[in-house]
Amino acid sequence: QVQLAESGGGLVQAGGSLRLSCAASGFMGNINTMAWYRQAPGNERELVARIISTGTTEVADSVKGRFTISRGNAKNLVYLQMVSLKPEDTAVYYCSARRGVDGMNYWGKGTLVTVSS
């Protein structure tokens, strides 16, 4: 089992920045991908960014150039640096960990990011 805890959300004005953190605990040996998703009211959950065990990263086109995913020195920490935030970035942001052997995803409870115009 893997437990994920997000932090760092909050209210920010358009153009501002936030850094989200995800702390994972439990057995991480089978986890090959860590990712951030978001879900705005009335919308489906969407992938924002992910980082695989090799260090390769991928970000959604909608946030490219503004959001960066990275890992901490410890394997169990993942960050999402967000700059130039827009009102449309308002959503609950979720951290996920994907188990490579069967594709199972673990989820955190989410952290709310609100960007005011």
Protein backbone atom coordinates (compact mmCIF):
# COMPACT_ATOMS: atom_id res chain seq x y z
CA GLN A 1 0.00 0.00 0.00
CA VAL A 2 1.05 3.55 -0.74
CA GLN A 3 -0.29 6.63 1.00
CA LEU A 4 -0.05 10.05 -0.61
CA ALA A 5 -0.42 13.43 1.05
CA GLU A 6 -0.59 16.65 -0.92
CA SER A 7 0.10 20.11 0.44
CA GLY A 8 0.75 23.61 -0.81
CA GLY A 9 -2.58 24.56 -2.29
CA GLY A 10 -4.28 27.84 -1.60
CA LEU A 11 -5.59 31.08 -3.01
CA VAL A 12 -3.38 33.06 -5.35
CA GLN A 13 -3.91 35.92 -7.78
CA ALA A 14 -3.57 35.42 -11.50
CA GLY A 15 0.07 35.57 -12.47
CA GLY A 16 1.19 34.21 -9.13
CA SER A 17 3.00 31.04 -8.21
CA LEU A 18 2.51 28.04 -5.97
CA ARG A 19 4.46 24.89 -5.27
CA LEU A 20 2.57 21.73 -4.48
CA SER A 21 4.20 18.91 -2.59
CA CYS A 22 3.34 15.24 -2.46
CA ALA A 23 4.74 13.03 0.25
CA ALA A 24 4.43 9.31 -0.29
CA SER A 25 4.70 6.64 2.36
CA GLY A 26 4.48 2.89 2.32
CA PHE A 27 6.09 0.47 -0.07
CA MET A 28 7.34 2.43 -3.08
CA GLY A 29 9.37 -0.35 -4.66
CA ASN A 30 6.84 -1.11 -7.39
CA ILE A 31 5.97 2.50 -8.19
CA ASN A 32 7.28 3.61 -11.59
CA THR A 33 5.36 6.84 -12.18
CA MET A 34 4.36 9.76 -10.01
CA ALA A 35 1.92 12.29 -11.40
CA TRP A 36 -0.24 15.29 -10.72
CA TYR A 37 -3.83 15.41 -11.90
CA ARG A 38 -6.44 18.08 -11.45
CA GLN A 39 -10.18 18.27 -11.47
CA ALA A 40 -12.15 21.47 -11.83
CA PRO A 41 -15.85 21.63 -10.91
CA GLY A 42 -17.93 19.96 -13.59
CA ASN A 43 -14.88 18.62 -15.40
CA GLU A 44 -13.21 15.26 -15.57
CA ARG A 45 -9.94 14.63 -13.83
CA GLU A 46 -7.06 15.40 -16.18
CA LEU A 47 -3.37 14.68 -16.19
CA VAL A 48 -1.23 17.73 -15.49
CA ALA A 49 2.27 16.29 -15.31
CA ARG A 50 4.08 13.05 -14.60
CA ILE A 51 7.56 11.83 -13.88
CA ILE A 52 8.72 8.28 -14.40
CA SER A 53 11.41 6.39 -12.56
CA THR A 54 14.05 7.30 -15.13
CA GLY A 55 13.44 10.97 -14.45
CA THR A 56 11.66 11.65 -17.72
CA THR A 57 8.88 14.17 -17.34
CA GLU A 58 5.80 15.04 -19.31
CA VAL A 59 3.42 17.98 -18.89
CA ALA A 60 0.06 18.71 -20.44
CA ASP A 61 -0.02 21.20 -23.28
CA SER A 62 -2.28 23.47 -21.27
CA VAL A 63 0.42 24.03 -18.64
CA LYS A 64 3.58 23.61 -20.69
CA GLY A 65 6.09 26.32 -19.94
CA ARG A 66 4.32 27.21 -16.69
CA PHE A 67 4.29 24.02 -14.60
CA THR A 68 7.25 21.84 -13.71
CA ILE A 69 7.20 18.46 -12.01
CA SER A 70 10.22 17.30 -10.07
CA ARG A 71 11.31 14.85 -7.43
CA GLY A 72 12.88 15.60 -4.12
CA ASN A 73 16.14 14.07 -3.01
CA ALA A 74 14.08 11.37 -1.37
CA LYS A 75 12.18 9.15 -3.75
CA ASN A 76 8.98 9.72 -1.83
CA LEU A 77 8.70 13.45 -2.57
CA VAL A 78 7.28 14.95 -5.73
CA TYR A 79 6.68 18.62 -6.43
CA LEU A 80 4.64 20.64 -8.87
CA GLN A 81 5.96 24.15 -9.37
CA MET A 82 3.31 26.37 -10.89
CA VAL A 83 4.04 29.86 -12.20
CA SER A 84 2.02 32.36 -14.20
CA LEU A 85 -1.15 30.87 -12.80
CA LYS A 86 -4.42 31.54 -14.59
CA PRO A 87 -8.00 31.42 -13.29
CA GLU A 88 -8.55 28.33 -15.44
CA ASP A 89 -5.93 26.52 -13.35
CA THR A 90 -8.38 26.55 -10.46
CA ALA A 91 -9.01 22.95 -9.45
CA VAL A 92 -8.37 20.29 -6.87
CA TYR A 93 -4.93 18.89 -7.55
CA TYR A 94 -4.28 15.24 -6.85
CA CYS A 95 -1.04 13.35 -6.52
CA SER A 96 -0.94 9.82 -7.87
CA ALA A 97 1.48 6.93 -7.81
CA ARG A 98 1.28 4.21 -10.43
CA ARG A 99 2.36 0.67 -9.77
CA GLY A 100 4.31 -0.63 -12.71
CA VAL A 101 3.47 -4.32 -12.36
CA ASP A 102 -0.27 -3.88 -12.94
CA GLY A 103 -0.95 -0.20 -13.55
CA MET A 104 -2.80 0.33 -10.31
CA ASN A 105 -3.01 3.98 -9.26
CA TYR A 106 -2.89 5.25 -5.72
CA TRP A 107 -4.40 8.67 -5.01
CA GLY A 108 -4.05 11.38 -2.45
CA LYS A 109 -7.01 13.32 -1.13
CA GLY A 110 -6.15 16.41 -3.13
CA THR A 111 -5.32 20.02 -2.43
CA LEU A 112 -7.38 22.95 -3.67
CA VAL A 113 -5.79 25.62 -5.83
CA THR A 114 -7.84 28.74 -6.45
CA VAL A 115 -6.60 31.41 -8.84
CA SER A 116 -8.43 34.71 -8.69
CA SER A 117 -8.60 37.11 -11.61
